[in-house]
Amino acid sequence: MNYYAVLDVGGSSIKYALMDEAGAFIEKSSVPTPKTSLTLFMDTVDSIVKGLGKNQPLQGLAVSMPGAVKVETGMIEGVSALPYIHGPNMKDLLQERTQLPVELENDANCAGLAEGWIGAARDVNDYLCIVIGTGIGGAVVLDKKIRHGKNGFAGEFGYMLMEDYLGRQEVAETWSSIAAVGGLVNQVAKRKEMAPDDLTGKEIFTLAENGDTDVQDEIEKFYKRLAVGIYNLQFIIDPEKILIGGAISHREGFVKQLNETLQQMKYDQEGLTVQVEKCQFGNDANLIGALYHFLQRQKEGRLKL
């Protein structure tokens, strides 16, 4: 059995695990992410890898990272909560420091890959993974492979323009700004004349359950806005499955209500059903997907030899 060090680098913590080639966890934990220093980051990763490799040889280091990861070059473009990862070649630096083969992939793409390997999309080749949080991101997977797009923006569903795009206001509403959890918070705060920082998504659903009709109305709009984006993506890509992830996807009744909203939409094509399923993995998704990405990249490299 082969063993691998796997990292999920986030803005607040680095989740890490020792995993085998079947995707099973041998051990896992987390540490705070260094906020400002690349040197501290490299020291932290080095310490993690040495600890994971203490009792068995490691075959490689698989990493899920924020930002626009260029898997071929090892560079990370775009912006994230960790400015120091943008600029240097992170793959080269990690390989030099750990003396292990290293593969990097974007965190949302890793979550999508996990579902296709041993999760909710393991029985299909073409699927979308939509992750709903403060914004909306995700992954496009065709033939079991992540599609990055020419500029690396494939799967950035949240940038779709949704409302007021004809110039009736200075900034058009995007799918993220009105249909993510952050968008719902902003809409409810505006209606209740509150500061968005004084509300959470959980509190909003509690208000609705307690009979607040204003909040109930905003939640209904939230579901409809989500459904419009999903409907459009179905017709653009026509995947075999559309998976929904993010903390809100685990809320009881959320996926059921979203599918009911989708069913209320008029389809011009008979026989087409637009519906979603919940992602199987939660906090472990990025780790599992990072390992799968590593294994696939290494396999492709051997085939080229």
C-alpha atoms as a PDB file:
ATOM      1  CA  MET A   1       0.000   0.000   0.000  1.00  0.00           C
ATOM      2  CA  ASN A   2       1.263   3.488  -0.892  1.00  0.00           C
ATOM      3  CA  TYR A   3       0.831   6.474   1.412  1.00  0.00           C
ATOM      4  CA  TYR A   4       0.578  10.197   0.685  1.00  0.00           C
ATOM      5  CA  ALA A   5       0.688  13.485   2.560  1.00  0.00           C
ATOM      6  CA  VAL A   6      -2.355  15.579   1.627  1.00  0.00           C
ATOM      7  CA  LEU A   7      -2.990  19.247   2.478  1.00  0.00           C
ATOM      8  CA  ASP A   8      -6.047  21.485   2.178  1.00  0.00           C
ATOM      9  CA  VAL A   9      -4.753  25.044   2.512  1.00  0.00           C
ATOM     10  CA  GLY A  10      -7.386  27.571   3.541  1.00  0.00           C
ATOM     11  CA  GLY A  11      -7.345  31.142   4.731  1.00  0.00           C
ATOM     12  CA  SER A  12      -7.705  30.185   8.396  1.00  0.00           C
ATOM     13  CA  SER A  13      -6.380  26.631   8.661  1.00  0.00           C
ATOM     14  CA  ILE A  14      -4.357  23.979   6.898  1.00  0.00           C
ATOM     15  CA  LYS A  15      -6.143  20.647   7.109  1.00  0.00           C
ATOM     16  CA  TYR A  16      -3.786  17.746   6.569  1.00  0.00           C
ATOM     17  CA  ALA A  17      -3.972  13.971   6.359  1.00  0.00           C
ATOM     18  CA  LEU A  18      -2.067  10.781   5.769  1.00  0.00           C
ATOM     19  CA  MET A  19      -4.032   8.867   3.132  1.00  0.00           C
ATOM     20  CA  ASP A  20      -3.627   5.669   1.188  1.00  0.00           C
ATOM     21  CA  GLU A  21      -4.048   5.238  -2.566  1.00  0.00           C
ATOM     22  CA  ALA A  22      -7.712   4.227  -2.175  1.00  0.00           C
ATOM     23  CA  GLY A  23      -8.613   7.534  -0.540  1.00  0.00           C
ATOM     24  CA  ALA A  24      -8.834   6.210   3.019  1.00  0.00           C
ATOM     25  CA  PHE A  25      -7.709   8.385   5.919  1.00  0.00           C
ATOM     26  CA  ILE A  26      -5.003   6.977   8.178  1.00  0.00           C
ATOM     27  CA  GLU A  27      -4.785  10.122  10.287  1.00  0.00           C
ATOM     28  CA  LYS A  28      -5.806  13.759   9.939  1.00  0.00           C
ATOM     29  CA  SER A  29      -5.642  17.046  11.813  1.00  0.00           C
ATOM     30  CA  SER A  30      -5.230  20.776  11.206  1.00  0.00           C
ATOM     31  CA  VAL A  31      -3.087  23.764  12.148  1.00  0.00           C
ATOM     32  CA  PRO A  32      -3.604  27.536  11.773  1.00  0.00           C
ATOM     33  CA  THR A  33      -2.504  28.912   8.415  1.00  0.00           C
ATOM     34  CA  PRO A  34       0.391  31.387   8.604  1.00  0.00           C
ATOM     35  CA  LYS A  35      -1.140  34.695   7.535  1.00  0.00           C
ATOM     36  CA  THR A  36       1.705  36.802   6.228  1.00  0.00           C
ATOM     37  CA  SER A  37       4.907  34.861   5.629  1.00  0.00           C
ATOM     38  CA  LEU A  38       5.823  32.394   2.894  1.00  0.00           C
ATOM     39  CA  THR A  39       8.764  31.284   5.026  1.00  0.00           C
ATOM     40  CA  LEU A  40       6.460  30.397   7.925  1.00  0.00           C
ATOM     41  CA  PHE A  41       4.135  28.601   5.512  1.00  0.00           C
ATOM     42  CA  MET A  42       6.955  26.479   4.127  1.00  0.00           C
ATOM     43  CA  ASP A  43       8.196  25.707   7.639  1.00  0.00           C
ATOM     44  CA  THR A  44       4.678  24.630   8.643  1.00  0.00           C
ATOM     45  CA  VAL A  45       4.258  22.371   5.626  1.00  0.00           C
ATOM     46  CA  ASP A  46       7.694  20.843   6.161  1.00  0.00           C
ATOM     47  CA  SER A  47       6.814  20.044   9.771  1.00  0.00           C
ATOM     48  CA  ILE A  48       3.498  18.471   8.756  1.00  0.00           C
ATOM     49  CA  VAL A  49       5.058  16.301   6.059  1.00  0.00           C
ATOM     50  CA  LYS A  50       7.848  15.099   8.334  1.00  0.00           C
ATOM     51  CA  GLY A  51       5.291  14.147  10.971  1.00  0.00           C
ATOM     52  CA  LEU A  52       3.111  12.242   8.504  1.00  0.00           C
ATOM     53  CA  GLY A  53       6.119  10.397   7.099  1.00  0.00           C
ATOM     54  CA  LYS A  54       7.546   9.402  10.457  1.00  0.00           C
ATOM     55  CA  ASN A  55       6.328   5.784  10.367  1.00  0.00           C
ATOM     56  CA  GLN A  56       6.100   5.056   6.633  1.00  0.00           C
ATOM     57  CA  PRO A  57       7.636   6.354   3.394  1.00  0.00           C
ATOM     58  CA  LEU A  58       5.541   8.907   1.524  1.00  0.00           C
ATOM     59  CA  GLN A  59       5.023   8.666  -2.234  1.00  0.00           C
ATOM     60  CA  GLY A  60       4.082  12.299  -2.702  1.00  0.00           C
ATOM     61  CA  LEU A  61       2.433  15.503  -1.498  1.00  0.00           C
ATOM     62  CA  ALA A  62      -1.030  16.420  -2.799  1.00  0.00           C
ATOM     63  CA  VAL A  63      -2.243  19.971  -2.137  1.00  0.00           C
ATOM     64  CA  SER A  64      -5.575  21.783  -2.438  1.00  0.00           C
ATOM     65  CA  MET A  65      -4.982  25.546  -2.684  1.00  0.00           C
ATOM     66  CA  PRO A  66      -7.073  28.719  -3.038  1.00  0.00           C
ATOM     67  CA  GLY A  67      -6.689  30.889  -6.118  1.00  0.00           C
ATOM     68  CA  ALA A  68      -6.344  30.160  -9.832  1.00  0.00           C
ATOM     69  CA  VAL A  69      -3.947  27.224  -9.710  1.00  0.00           C
ATOM     70  CA  LYS A  70      -2.043  26.501 -12.912  1.00  0.00           C
ATOM     71  CA  VAL A  71      -1.578  22.755 -12.586  1.00  0.00           C
ATOM     72  CA  GLU A  72       0.975  22.535 -15.393  1.00  0.00           C
ATOM     73  CA  THR A  73       3.310  25.234 -14.124  1.00  0.00           C
ATOM     74  CA  GLY A  74       2.713  25.256 -10.388  1.00  0.00           C
ATOM     75  CA  MET A  75       1.939  28.994 -10.306  1.00  0.00           C
ATOM     76  CA  ILE A  76      -1.127  30.360  -8.489  1.00  0.00           C
ATOM     77  CA  GLU A  77      -2.752  33.373 -10.110  1.00  0.00           C
ATOM     78  CA  GLY A  78      -5.727  35.481  -9.032  1.00  0.00           C
ATOM     79  CA  VAL A  79      -6.199  36.617  -5.426  1.00  0.00           C
ATOM     80  CA  SER A  80      -6.880  34.867  -2.139  1.00  0.00           C
ATOM     81  CA  ALA A  81      -6.642  35.357   1.605  1.00  0.00           C
ATOM     82  CA  LEU A  82      -2.955  34.350   1.366  1.00  0.00           C
ATOM     83  CA  PRO A  83      -1.156  36.963  -0.772  1.00  0.00           C
ATOM     84  CA  TYR A  84       2.238  35.261  -0.434  1.00  0.00           C
ATOM     85  CA  ILE A  85       1.181  32.211  -2.505  1.00  0.00           C
ATOM     86  CA  HIS A  86       0.678  34.417  -5.585  1.00  0.00           C
ATOM     87  CA  GLY A  87       3.918  35.060  -7.416  1.00  0.00           C
ATOM     88  CA  PRO A  88       6.379  32.288  -6.559  1.00  0.00           C
ATOM     89  CA  ASN A  89       6.196  28.842  -8.118  1.00  0.00           C
ATOM     90  CA  MET A  90       4.595  27.023  -5.192  1.00  0.00           C
ATOM     91  CA  LYS A  91       4.974  23.574  -6.729  1.00  0.00           C
ATOM     92  CA  ASP A  92       8.714  23.985  -7.216  1.00  0.00           C
ATOM     93  CA  LEU A  93       9.169  25.419  -3.723  1.00  0.00           C
ATOM     94  CA  LEU A  94       7.233  22.585  -2.083  1.00  0.00           C
ATOM     95  CA  GLN A  95       9.078  19.909  -4.058  1.00  0.00           C
ATOM     96  CA  GLU A  96      12.427  21.411  -3.150  1.00  0.00           C
ATOM     97  CA  ARG A  97      11.528  21.684   0.545  1.00  0.00           C
ATOM     98  CA  THR A  98       9.875  18.270   1.016  1.00  0.00           C
ATOM     99  CA  GLN A  99      11.871  16.299  -1.576  1.00  0.00           C
ATOM    100  CA  LEU A 100       8.598  14.704  -2.709  1.00  0.00           C
ATOM    101  CA  PRO A 101       6.636  14.801  -5.968  1.00  0.00           C
ATOM    102  CA  VAL A 102       4.009  17.554  -5.577  1.00  0.00           C
ATOM    103  CA  GLU A 103       0.746  18.308  -7.389  1.00  0.00           C
ATOM    104  CA  LEU A 104      -1.488  21.353  -6.777  1.00  0.00           C
ATOM    105  CA  GLU A 105      -5.116  22.013  -7.681  1.00  0.00           C
ATOM    106  CA  ASN A 106      -7.711  24.662  -6.834  1.00  0.00           C
ATOM    107  CA  ASP A 107      -9.827  23.892  -3.753  1.00  0.00           C
ATOM    108  CA  ALA A 108     -13.220  23.963  -5.499  1.00  0.00           C
ATOM    109  CA  ASN A 109     -11.878  21.724  -8.254  1.00  0.00           C
ATOM    110  CA  CYS A 110     -10.597  19.311  -5.628  1.00  0.00           C
ATOM    111  CA  ALA A 111     -14.070  19.153  -4.086  1.00  0.00           C
ATOM    112  CA  GLY A 112     -15.490  18.305  -7.496  1.00  0.00           C
ATOM    113  CA  LEU A 113     -12.887  15.633  -8.171  1.00  0.00           C
ATOM    114  CA  ALA A 114     -13.606  13.955  -4.838  1.00  0.00           C
ATOM    115  CA  GLU A 115     -17.241  13.442  -5.839  1.00  0.00           C
ATOM    116  CA  GLY A 116     -16.272  11.889  -9.161  1.00  0.00           C
ATOM    117  CA  TRP A 117     -13.741   9.529  -7.611  1.00  0.00           C
ATOM    118  CA  ILE A 118     -15.594   7.943  -4.690  1.00  0.00           C
ATOM    119  CA  GLY A 119     -18.551  10.264  -4.084  1.00  0.00           C
ATOM    120  CA  ALA A 120     -21.955  11.214  -5.459  1.00  0.00           C
ATOM    121  CA  ALA A 121     -20.737  11.419  -9.098  1.00  0.00           C
ATOM    122  CA  ARG A 122     -18.692   8.209  -9.179  1.00  0.00           C
ATOM    123  CA  ASP A 123     -21.214   6.621 -11.567  1.00  0.00           C
ATOM    124  CA  VAL A 124     -21.125   9.413 -14.208  1.00  0.00           C
ATOM    125  CA  ASN A 125     -18.515  11.060 -16.432  1.00  0.00           C
ATOM    126  CA  ASP A 126     -19.943  14.591 -16.877  1.00  0.00           C
ATOM    127  CA  TYR A 127     -21.099  16.641 -13.916  1.00  0.00           C
ATOM    128  CA  LEU A 128     -21.055  20.038 -12.266  1.00  0.00           C
ATOM    129  CA  CYS A 129     -20.235  20.716  -8.641  1.00  0.00           C
ATOM    130  CA  ILE A 130     -21.702  23.981  -7.324  1.00  0.00           C
ATOM    131  CA  VAL A 131     -20.390  25.160  -3.954  1.00  0.00           C
ATOM    132  CA  ILE A 132     -22.598  27.711  -2.189  1.00  0.00           C
ATOM    133  CA  GLY A 133     -21.068  29.803   0.579  1.00  0.00           C
ATOM    134  CA  THR A 134     -20.393  33.509   0.943  1.00  0.00           C
ATOM    135  CA  GLY A 135     -20.115  33.392  -2.849  1.00  0.00           C
ATOM    136  CA  ILE A 136     -20.707  30.666  -5.442  1.00  0.00           C
ATOM    137  CA  GLY A 137     -17.924  28.642  -7.017  1.00  0.00           C
ATOM    138  CA  GLY A 138     -17.506  25.128  -8.248  1.00  0.00           C
ATOM    139  CA  ALA A 139     -16.117  22.817 -10.859  1.00  0.00           C
ATOM    140  CA  VAL A 140     -16.869  21.630 -14.379  1.00  0.00           C
ATOM    141  CA  VAL A 141     -15.957  17.958 -14.821  1.00  0.00           C
ATOM    142  CA  LEU A 142     -16.225  16.340 -18.250  1.00  0.00           C
ATOM    143  CA  ASP A 143     -14.971  12.820 -18.936  1.00  0.00           C
ATOM    144  CA  LYS A 144     -13.908  12.705 -15.272  1.00  0.00           C
ATOM    145  CA  LYS A 145     -11.476  15.597 -15.869  1.00  0.00           C
ATOM    146  CA  ILE A 146     -11.568  19.142 -14.524  1.00  0.00           C
ATOM    147  CA  ARG A 147     -12.039  21.731 -17.255  1.00  0.00           C
ATOM    148  CA  HIS A 148     -10.045  24.822 -16.380  1.00  0.00           C
ATOM    149  CA  GLY A 149     -10.825  26.931 -19.454  1.00  0.00           C
ATOM    150  CA  LYS A 150      -8.473  29.188 -21.398  1.00  0.00           C
ATOM    151  CA  ASN A 151      -8.065  31.672 -18.532  1.00  0.00           C
ATOM    152  CA  GLY A 152      -8.698  29.311 -15.635  1.00  0.00           C
ATOM    153  CA  PHE A 153     -12.200  30.581 -14.908  1.00  0.00           C
ATOM    154  CA  ALA A 154     -14.240  27.477 -15.739  1.00  0.00           C
ATOM    155  CA  GLY A 155     -16.426  26.732 -12.727  1.00  0.00           C
ATOM    156  CA  GLU A 156     -16.546  30.335 -11.498  1.00  0.00           C
ATOM    157  CA  PHE A 157     -20.331  30.204 -11.756  1.00  0.00           C
ATOM    158  CA  GLY A 158     -20.854  33.037  -9.300  1.00  0.00           C
ATOM    159  CA  TYR A 159     -19.749  35.640 -11.864  1.00  0.00           C
ATOM    160  CA  MET A 160     -22.808  35.029 -14.067  1.00  0.00           C
ATOM    161  CA  LEU A 161     -24.791  38.246 -14.489  1.00  0.00           C
ATOM    162  CA  MET A 162     -28.307  37.872 -13.198  1.00  0.00           C
ATOM    163  CA  GLU A 163     -30.161  41.165 -12.739  1.00  0.00           C
ATOM    164  CA  ASP A 164     -29.881  44.839 -13.706  1.00  0.00           C
ATOM    165  CA  TYR A 165     -27.285  44.110 -16.389  1.00  0.00           C
ATOM    166  CA  LEU A 166     -28.710  46.737 -18.768  1.00  0.00           C
ATOM    167  CA  GLY A 167     -27.304  49.624 -16.760  1.00  0.00           C
ATOM    168  CA  ARG A 168     -30.160  50.437 -14.410  1.00  0.00           C
ATOM    169  CA  GLN A 169     -27.589  50.512 -11.622  1.00  0.00           C
ATOM    170  CA  GLU A 170     -23.844  50.989 -11.482  1.00  0.00           C
ATOM    171  CA  VAL A 171     -22.979  47.374 -10.645  1.00  0.00           C
ATOM    172  CA  ALA A 172     -24.926  44.458 -12.078  1.00  0.00           C
ATOM    173  CA  GLU A 173     -26.002  41.702  -9.708  1.00  0.00           C
ATOM    174  CA  THR A 174     -24.154  38.430 -10.125  1.00  0.00           C
ATOM    175  CA  TRP A 175     -25.263  34.966  -9.122  1.00  0.00           C
ATOM    176  CA  SER A 176     -22.962  35.214  -6.086  1.00  0.00           C
ATOM    177  CA  SER A 177     -24.245  38.613  -5.022  1.00  0.00           C
ATOM    178  CA  ILE A 178     -27.903  37.545  -4.898  1.00  0.00           C
ATOM    179  CA  ALA A 179     -28.007  33.743  -4.702  1.00  0.00           C
ATOM    180  CA  ALA A 180     -25.120  32.833  -2.374  1.00  0.00           C
ATOM    181  CA  VAL A 181     -25.596  32.760   1.391  1.00  0.00           C
ATOM    182  CA  GLY A 182     -23.847  36.127   1.552  1.00  0.00           C
ATOM    183  CA  GLY A 183     -26.316  37.463  -1.006  1.00  0.00           C
ATOM    184  CA  LEU A 184     -29.278  36.195   1.017  1.00  0.00           C
ATOM    185  CA  VAL A 185     -27.880  37.890   4.127  1.00  0.00           C
ATOM    186  CA  ASN A 186     -27.488  41.180   2.237  1.00  0.00           C
ATOM    187  CA  GLN A 187     -31.013  41.036   0.806  1.00  0.00           C
ATOM    188  CA  VAL A 188     -32.611  40.307   4.182  1.00  0.00           C
ATOM    189  CA  ALA A 189     -30.483  42.978   5.904  1.00  0.00           C
ATOM    190  CA  LYS A 190     -31.563  45.552   3.329  1.00  0.00           C
ATOM    191  CA  ARG A 191     -35.222  44.659   3.790  1.00  0.00           C
ATOM    192  CA  LYS A 192     -35.004  44.666   7.592  1.00  0.00           C
ATOM    193  CA  GLU A 193     -32.838  47.831   7.603  1.00  0.00           C
ATOM    194  CA  MET A 194     -30.082  46.021   9.456  1.00  0.00           C
ATOM    195  CA  ALA A 195     -26.328  45.756   9.019  1.00  0.00           C
ATOM    196  CA  PRO A 196     -25.365  42.546   7.185  1.00  0.00           C
ATOM    197  CA  ASP A 197     -22.774  41.829   9.885  1.00  0.00           C
ATOM    198  CA  ASP A 198     -25.630  41.510  12.386  1.00  0.00           C
ATOM    199  CA  LEU A 199     -27.131  38.515  10.546  1.00  0.00           C
ATOM    200  CA  THR A 200     -26.113  34.984   9.628  1.00  0.00           C
ATOM    201  CA  GLY A 201     -27.669  32.527   7.229  1.00  0.00           C
ATOM    202  CA  LYS A 202     -28.692  30.305  10.141  1.00  0.00           C
ATOM    203  CA  GLU A 203     -30.427  33.189  11.895  1.00  0.00           C
ATOM    204  CA  ILE A 204     -32.289  34.071   8.706  1.00  0.00           C
ATOM    205  CA  PHE A 205     -33.783  30.592   8.352  1.00  0.00           C
ATOM    206  CA  THR A 206     -34.715  30.643  12.049  1.00  0.00           C
ATOM    207  CA  LEU A 207     -36.584  33.934  11.536  1.00  0.00           C
ATOM    208  CA  ALA A 208     -38.453  32.378   8.621  1.00  0.00           C
ATOM    209  CA  GLU A 209     -39.364  29.307  10.656  1.00  0.00           C
ATOM    210  CA  ASN A 210     -40.704  31.606  13.380  1.00  0.00           C
ATOM    211  CA  GLY A 211     -43.106  33.231  10.916  1.00  0.00           C
ATOM    212  CA  ASP A 212     -41.275  36.357   9.696  1.00  0.00           C
ATOM    213  CA  THR A 213     -43.052  36.941   6.376  1.00  0.00           C
ATOM    214  CA  ASP A 214     -40.467  39.404   5.048  1.00  0.00           C
ATOM    215  CA  VAL A 215     -37.703  36.863   5.545  1.00  0.00           C
ATOM    216  CA  GLN A 216     -39.847  34.072   4.099  1.00  0.00           C
ATOM    217  CA  ASP A 217     -40.316  36.170   0.968  1.00  0.00           C
ATOM    218  CA  GLU A 218     -36.563  36.766   0.615  1.00  0.00           C
ATOM    219  CA  ILE A 219     -35.821  33.059   1.070  1.00  0.00           C
ATOM    220  CA  GLU A 220     -38.328  32.238  -1.673  1.00  0.00           C
ATOM    221  CA  LYS A 221     -36.532  34.683  -3.984  1.00  0.00           C
ATOM    222  CA  PHE A 222     -33.217  33.125  -2.941  1.00  0.00           C
ATOM    223  CA  TYR A 223     -34.374  29.662  -4.038  1.00  0.00           C
ATOM    224  CA  LYS A 224     -35.713  31.054  -7.329  1.00  0.00           C
ATOM    225  CA  ARG A 225     -32.443  32.860  -8.074  1.00  0.00           C
ATOM    226  CA  LEU A 226     -30.476  29.699  -7.350  1.00  0.00           C
ATOM    227  CA  ALA A 227     -32.829  27.733  -9.585  1.00  0.00           C
ATOM    228  CA  VAL A 228     -32.411  30.174 -12.492  1.00  0.00           C
ATOM    229  CA  GLY A 229     -28.636  29.780 -12.439  1.00  0.00           C
ATOM    230  CA  ILE A 230     -28.857  25.986 -12.219  1.00  0.00           C
ATOM    231  CA  TYR A 231     -31.430  25.877 -15.021  1.00  0.00           C
ATOM    232  CA  ASN A 232     -29.108  27.906 -17.271  1.00  0.00           C
ATOM    233  CA  LEU A 233     -26.100  25.718 -16.468  1.00  0.00           C
ATOM    234  CA  GLN A 234     -28.100  22.597 -17.320  1.00  0.00           C
ATOM    235  CA  PHE A 235     -28.780  23.940 -20.804  1.00  0.00           C
ATOM    236  CA  ILE A 236     -25.237  25.230 -21.330  1.00  0.00           C
ATOM    237  CA  ILE A 237     -23.434  22.003 -20.426  1.00  0.00           C
ATOM    238  CA  ASP A 238     -26.201  19.377 -20.101  1.00  0.00           C
ATOM    239  CA  PRO A 239     -24.323  17.339 -17.483  1.00  0.00           C
ATOM    240  CA  GLU A 240     -25.398  13.965 -16.185  1.00  0.00           C
ATOM    241  CA  LYS A 241     -25.530  15.333 -12.634  1.00  0.00           C
ATOM    242  CA  ILE A 242     -25.445  18.667 -10.840  1.00  0.00           C
ATOM    243  CA  LEU A 243     -24.151  18.458  -7.278  1.00  0.00           C
ATOM    244  CA  ILE A 244     -24.611  21.077  -4.566  1.00  0.00           C
ATOM    245  CA  GLY A 245     -22.019  21.614  -1.834  1.00  0.00           C
ATOM    246  CA  GLY A 246     -21.266  24.106   0.900  1.00  0.00           C
ATOM    247  CA  ALA A 247     -22.544  24.231   4.465  1.00  0.00           C
ATOM    248  CA  ILE A 248     -26.073  25.214   3.401  1.00  0.00           C
ATOM    249  CA  SER A 249     -26.415  21.986   1.392  1.00  0.00           C
ATOM    250  CA  HIS A 250     -26.482  20.070   4.689  1.00  0.00           C
ATOM    251  CA  ARG A 251     -29.441  22.046   5.950  1.00  0.00           C
ATOM    252  CA  GLU A 252     -32.467  19.754   6.316  1.00  0.00           C
ATOM    253  CA  GLY A 253     -34.852  20.234   3.413  1.00  0.00           C
ATOM    254  CA  PHE A 254     -32.579  22.555   1.420  1.00  0.00           C
ATOM    255  CA  VAL A 255     -31.951  20.293  -1.579  1.00  0.00           C
ATOM    256  CA  LYS A 256     -35.583  19.126  -1.550  1.00  0.00           C
ATOM    257  CA  GLN A 257     -36.863  22.734  -1.655  1.00  0.00           C
ATOM    258  CA  LEU A 258     -34.403  23.654  -4.394  1.00  0.00           C
ATOM    259  CA  ASN A 259     -35.567  20.728  -6.534  1.00  0.00           C
ATOM    260  CA  GLU A 260     -39.197  21.677  -5.962  1.00  0.00           C
ATOM    261  CA  THR A 261     -38.391  25.197  -7.172  1.00  0.00           C
ATOM    262  CA  LEU A 262     -36.658  23.780 -10.252  1.00  0.00           C
ATOM    263  CA  GLN A 263     -39.700  21.618 -10.995  1.00  0.00           C
ATOM    264  CA  GLN A 264     -41.899  24.721 -11.051  1.00  0.00           C
ATOM    265  CA  MET A 265     -39.909  26.176 -13.937  1.00  0.00           C
ATOM    266  CA  LYS A 266     -41.275  25.667 -17.448  1.00  0.00           C
ATOM    267  CA  TYR A 267     -39.174  23.422 -19.694  1.00  0.00           C
ATOM    268  CA  ASP A 268     -39.511  23.691 -23.460  1.00  0.00           C
ATOM    269  CA  GLN A 269     -37.809  20.339 -23.911  1.00  0.00           C
ATOM    270  CA  GLU A 270     -39.957  17.344 -23.036  1.00  0.00           C
ATOM    271  CA  GLY A 271     -38.197  14.636 -21.119  1.00  0.00           C
ATOM    272  CA  LEU A 272     -35.631  16.986 -19.590  1.00  0.00           C
ATOM    273  CA  THR A 273     -35.547  17.097 -15.803  1.00  0.00           C
ATOM    274  CA  VAL A 274     -33.356  19.637 -14.056  1.00  0.00           C
ATOM    275  CA  GLN A 275     -32.537  18.590 -10.509  1.00  0.00           C
ATOM    276  CA  VAL A 276     -29.656  18.593  -8.078  1.00  0.00           C
ATOM    277  CA  GLU A 277     -28.110  16.212  -5.574  1.00  0.00           C
ATOM    278  CA  LYS A 278     -26.132  16.937  -2.427  1.00  0.00           C
ATOM    279  CA  CYS A 279     -22.377  16.438  -2.482  1.00  0.00           C
ATOM    280  CA  GLN A 280     -21.367  13.415  -0.431  1.00  0.00           C
ATOM    281  CA  PHE A 281     -18.309  14.895   1.232  1.00  0.00           C
ATOM    282  CA  GLY A 282     -18.101  17.899   3.542  1.00  0.00           C
ATOM    283  CA  ASN A 283     -14.878  19.121   5.122  1.00  0.00           C
ATOM    284  CA  ASP A 284     -12.917  16.157   3.734  1.00  0.00           C
ATOM    285  CA  ALA A 285     -13.769  16.841   0.079  1.00  0.00           C
ATOM    286  CA  ASN A 286     -10.722  18.978  -0.732  1.00  0.00           C
ATOM    287  CA  LEU A 287      -8.345  16.429   0.788  1.00  0.00           C
ATOM    288  CA  ILE A 288      -9.876  13.524  -1.118  1.00  0.00           C
ATOM    289  CA  GLY A 289      -9.924  15.467  -4.391  1.00  0.00           C
ATOM    290  CA  ALA A 290      -6.350  16.683  -3.976  1.00  0.00           C
ATOM    291  CA  LEU A 291      -5.161  13.091  -3.631  1.00  0.00           C
ATOM    292  CA  TYR A 292      -7.152  11.982  -6.678  1.00  0.00           C
ATOM    293  CA  HIS A 293      -5.674  14.852  -8.698  1.00  0.00           C
ATOM    294  CA  PHE A 294      -2.171  13.835  -7.607  1.00  0.00           C
ATOM    295  CA  LEU A 295      -2.724  10.194  -8.572  1.00  0.00           C
ATOM    296  CA  GLN A 296      -4.134  11.134 -11.983  1.00  0.00           C
ATOM    297  CA  ARG A 297      -1.306  13.562 -12.745  1.00  0.00           C
ATOM    298  CA  GLN A 298       1.316  11.020 -11.772  1.00  0.00           C
ATOM    299  CA  LYS A 299      -0.400   8.368 -13.890  1.00  0.00           C
ATOM    300  CA  GLU A 300      -0.481  10.697 -16.903  1.00  0.00           C
ATOM    301  CA  GLY A 301       3.206  11.464 -16.401  1.00  0.00           C
ATOM    302  CA  ARG A 302       4.124   7.774 -16.415  1.00  0.00           C
ATOM    303  CA  LEU A 303       2.101   7.183 -19.587  1.00  0.00           C
ATOM    304  CA  LYS A 304       4.092   9.909 -21.381  1.00  0.00           C
ATOM    305  CA  LEU A 305       7.405   8.234 -20.599  1.00  0.00           C
END
